[in-house]
Amino acid sequence: MRISLPDLAAMDRFGRAIADVLRADDVVALEGGLGAGKTTLARAIIAGLGHEGDVPSPSFAIVEVYDPPAVRLPLVHADFYRLKHPSEAEEIGLDDYRQGAALIAEWPDHAGGFAHEPGCLSITLEVEEEGRIAIVEAGADWVGRVPK
């Protein structure tokens, strides 16, 4: 499915729509080139879960954790750009972070990918004129929940 996101307001609405249906153990895998809007969409999802205030990019920390009551469910926001090999995701304890939490994964391929998981919503963002196009592929657990 292709979703047009012509401006920041559309990106925000899409992110909040994802947040509305996000469940523990889900993965939102965000792909796209540098500047495609992965972190912007992640911030919209996190805000939609109830977080108020700044949402730092996890580019250097790799993992940022959000817990209730600041958000409606435990959430891990990870940026795997700096990983050199998927085994490094194990070394940072990704599985421990994910216990009972949803995961937003930027650069998911650097961590070995998540598309094989039934709870994975893969979103590839592409720049189109002044906006973005989201190319969405949903795992089996997302059937009937994919925002449009």
Protein backbone atom coordinates (compact mmCIF):
# COMPACT_ATOMS: atom_id res chain seq x y z
CA MET A 1 0.00 0.00 0.00
CA ARG A 2 1.21 3.52 -0.84
CA ILE A 3 0.20 6.45 1.34
CA SER A 4 0.79 10.04 0.31
CA LEU A 5 2.19 12.28 3.05
CA PRO A 6 2.30 15.69 1.37
CA ASP A 7 3.38 17.68 4.45
CA LEU A 8 4.37 17.46 8.12
CA ALA A 9 0.73 17.54 9.22
CA ALA A 10 0.01 14.42 7.16
CA MET A 11 3.10 12.71 8.60
CA ASP A 12 1.90 13.59 12.10
CA ARG A 13 -1.62 12.24 11.43
CA PHE A 14 -0.19 9.01 10.02
CA GLY A 15 2.11 8.55 13.02
CA ARG A 16 -0.72 9.18 15.48
CA ALA A 17 -2.95 6.73 13.59
CA ILE A 18 -0.25 4.08 13.98
CA ALA A 19 0.01 4.91 17.69
CA ASP A 20 -3.74 4.41 18.09
CA VAL A 21 -3.49 0.74 17.06
CA LEU A 22 0.02 -0.09 18.29
CA ARG A 23 0.28 -3.05 20.68
CA ALA A 24 3.00 -4.58 22.80
CA ASP A 25 5.33 -6.80 20.74
CA ASP A 26 4.57 -4.88 17.52
CA VAL A 27 7.45 -3.58 15.42
CA VAL A 28 7.26 -0.49 13.24
CA ALA A 29 10.27 -0.82 10.93
CA LEU A 30 11.13 2.51 9.30
CA GLU A 31 13.27 2.50 6.18
CA GLY A 32 14.38 5.19 3.76
CA GLY A 33 17.42 7.26 2.98
CA LEU A 34 18.94 9.96 5.14
CA GLY A 35 16.42 12.78 5.55
CA ALA A 36 13.46 10.68 4.38
CA GLY A 37 11.51 11.36 7.58
CA LYS A 38 12.01 8.23 9.68
CA THR A 39 12.67 10.11 12.91
CA THR A 40 9.85 12.57 12.17
CA LEU A 41 7.39 9.69 11.81
CA ALA A 42 8.79 8.00 14.94
CA ARG A 43 8.28 11.23 16.90
CA ALA A 44 4.67 11.42 15.72
CA ILE A 45 4.05 7.83 16.86
CA ILE A 46 5.64 8.51 20.25
CA ALA A 47 3.58 11.70 20.68
CA GLY A 48 0.48 9.73 19.69
CA LEU A 49 1.25 7.31 22.52
CA GLY A 50 1.05 10.20 24.96
CA HIS A 51 4.64 11.38 25.33
CA GLU A 52 4.92 15.11 25.88
CA GLY A 53 8.08 17.06 25.25
CA ASP A 54 11.17 16.43 23.19
CA VAL A 55 11.89 13.07 21.60
CA PRO A 56 15.62 12.74 21.07
CA SER A 57 16.89 10.90 18.04
CA PRO A 58 18.50 7.66 19.23
CA SER A 59 21.21 7.95 16.56
CA PHE A 60 24.02 7.99 19.10
CA ALA A 61 22.42 6.23 22.09
CA ILE A 62 21.00 3.62 19.65
CA VAL A 63 18.08 2.86 22.02
CA GLU A 64 15.63 5.16 23.82
CA VAL A 65 13.04 3.62 26.13
CA TYR A 66 9.62 5.09 26.99
CA ASP A 67 7.57 3.66 29.83
CA PRO A 68 4.05 4.26 31.16
CA PRO A 69 2.63 6.53 32.41
CA ALA A 70 4.49 8.82 29.98
CA VAL A 71 3.17 6.63 27.12
CA ARG A 72 0.23 4.23 27.02
CA LEU A 73 2.44 1.15 26.51
CA PRO A 74 6.14 0.38 26.90
CA LEU A 75 8.04 1.47 23.81
CA VAL A 76 11.57 1.11 22.49
CA HIS A 77 12.78 3.54 19.84
CA ALA A 78 15.98 2.29 18.22
CA ASP A 79 18.14 3.70 15.46
CA PHE A 80 20.40 0.95 14.12
CA TYR A 81 22.23 3.12 11.58
CA ARG A 82 25.57 2.86 13.43
CA LEU A 83 25.52 -0.93 13.78
CA LYS A 84 28.12 -2.61 11.59
CA HIS A 85 26.67 -6.14 11.93
CA PRO A 86 23.26 -7.49 12.98
CA SER A 87 24.88 -9.40 15.87
CA GLU A 88 25.49 -6.03 17.54
CA ALA A 89 21.73 -5.77 18.20
CA GLU A 90 22.10 -8.82 20.45
CA GLU A 91 25.13 -7.28 22.14
CA ILE A 92 23.18 -4.17 23.16
CA GLY A 93 20.45 -6.39 24.64
CA LEU A 94 17.68 -5.61 22.16
CA ASP A 95 15.67 -8.70 23.12
CA ASP A 96 15.67 -7.59 26.77
CA TYR A 97 14.44 -4.11 25.84
CA ARG A 98 11.65 -5.61 23.70
CA GLN A 99 10.07 -7.74 26.45
CA GLY A 100 6.43 -6.61 26.52
CA ALA A 101 7.18 -3.45 24.54
CA ALA A 102 6.49 -2.16 21.06
CA LEU A 103 9.54 -1.33 18.95
CA ILE A 104 10.10 1.49 16.49
CA ALA A 105 13.17 0.50 14.47
CA GLU A 106 14.97 2.95 12.22
CA TRP A 107 17.40 1.32 9.76
CA PRO A 108 16.01 -2.14 10.66
CA ASP A 109 18.19 -3.92 8.10
CA HIS A 110 21.28 -2.99 10.14
CA ALA A 111 19.84 -5.13 12.98
CA GLY A 112 18.97 -8.05 10.72
CA GLY A 113 15.45 -6.87 9.84
CA PHE A 114 12.07 -7.60 11.37
CA ALA A 115 9.87 -8.17 8.30
CA HIS A 116 9.71 -11.91 9.06
CA GLU A 117 7.86 -11.16 12.32
CA PRO A 118 4.04 -11.26 12.12
CA GLY A 119 3.86 -8.11 14.26
CA CYS A 120 6.00 -6.04 11.89
CA LEU A 121 4.66 -3.02 10.05
CA SER A 122 7.35 -2.09 7.51
CA ILE A 123 7.27 1.47 6.23
CA THR A 124 9.63 2.73 3.57
CA LEU A 125 9.61 6.51 3.24
CA GLU A 126 10.49 8.11 -0.08
CA VAL A 127 10.84 11.81 -0.80
CA GLU A 128 8.32 13.06 -3.34
CA GLU A 129 8.39 16.74 -4.23
CA GLU A 130 7.91 18.53 -0.88
CA GLY A 131 6.31 15.57 0.89
CA ARG A 132 6.81 11.85 1.31
CA ILE A 133 5.31 8.59 0.13
CA ALA A 134 4.99 5.79 2.66
CA ILE A 135 5.19 2.31 1.19
CA VAL A 136 3.59 0.07 3.80
CA GLU A 137 3.85 -3.71 4.15
CA ALA A 138 2.06 -5.33 7.06
CA GLY A 139 2.74 -8.59 8.85
CA ALA A 140 -0.12 -10.96 9.67
CA ASP A 141 -0.75 -9.38 13.10
CA TRP A 142 -1.48 -6.03 11.43
CA VAL A 143 -4.34 -7.28 9.24
CA GLY A 144 -7.29 -4.95 9.83
CA ARG A 145 -5.17 -2.47 11.82
CA VAL A 146 -3.09 -0.74 9.14
CA PRO A 147 -3.84 3.01 9.11
CA LYS A 148 -4.63 4.46 5.70
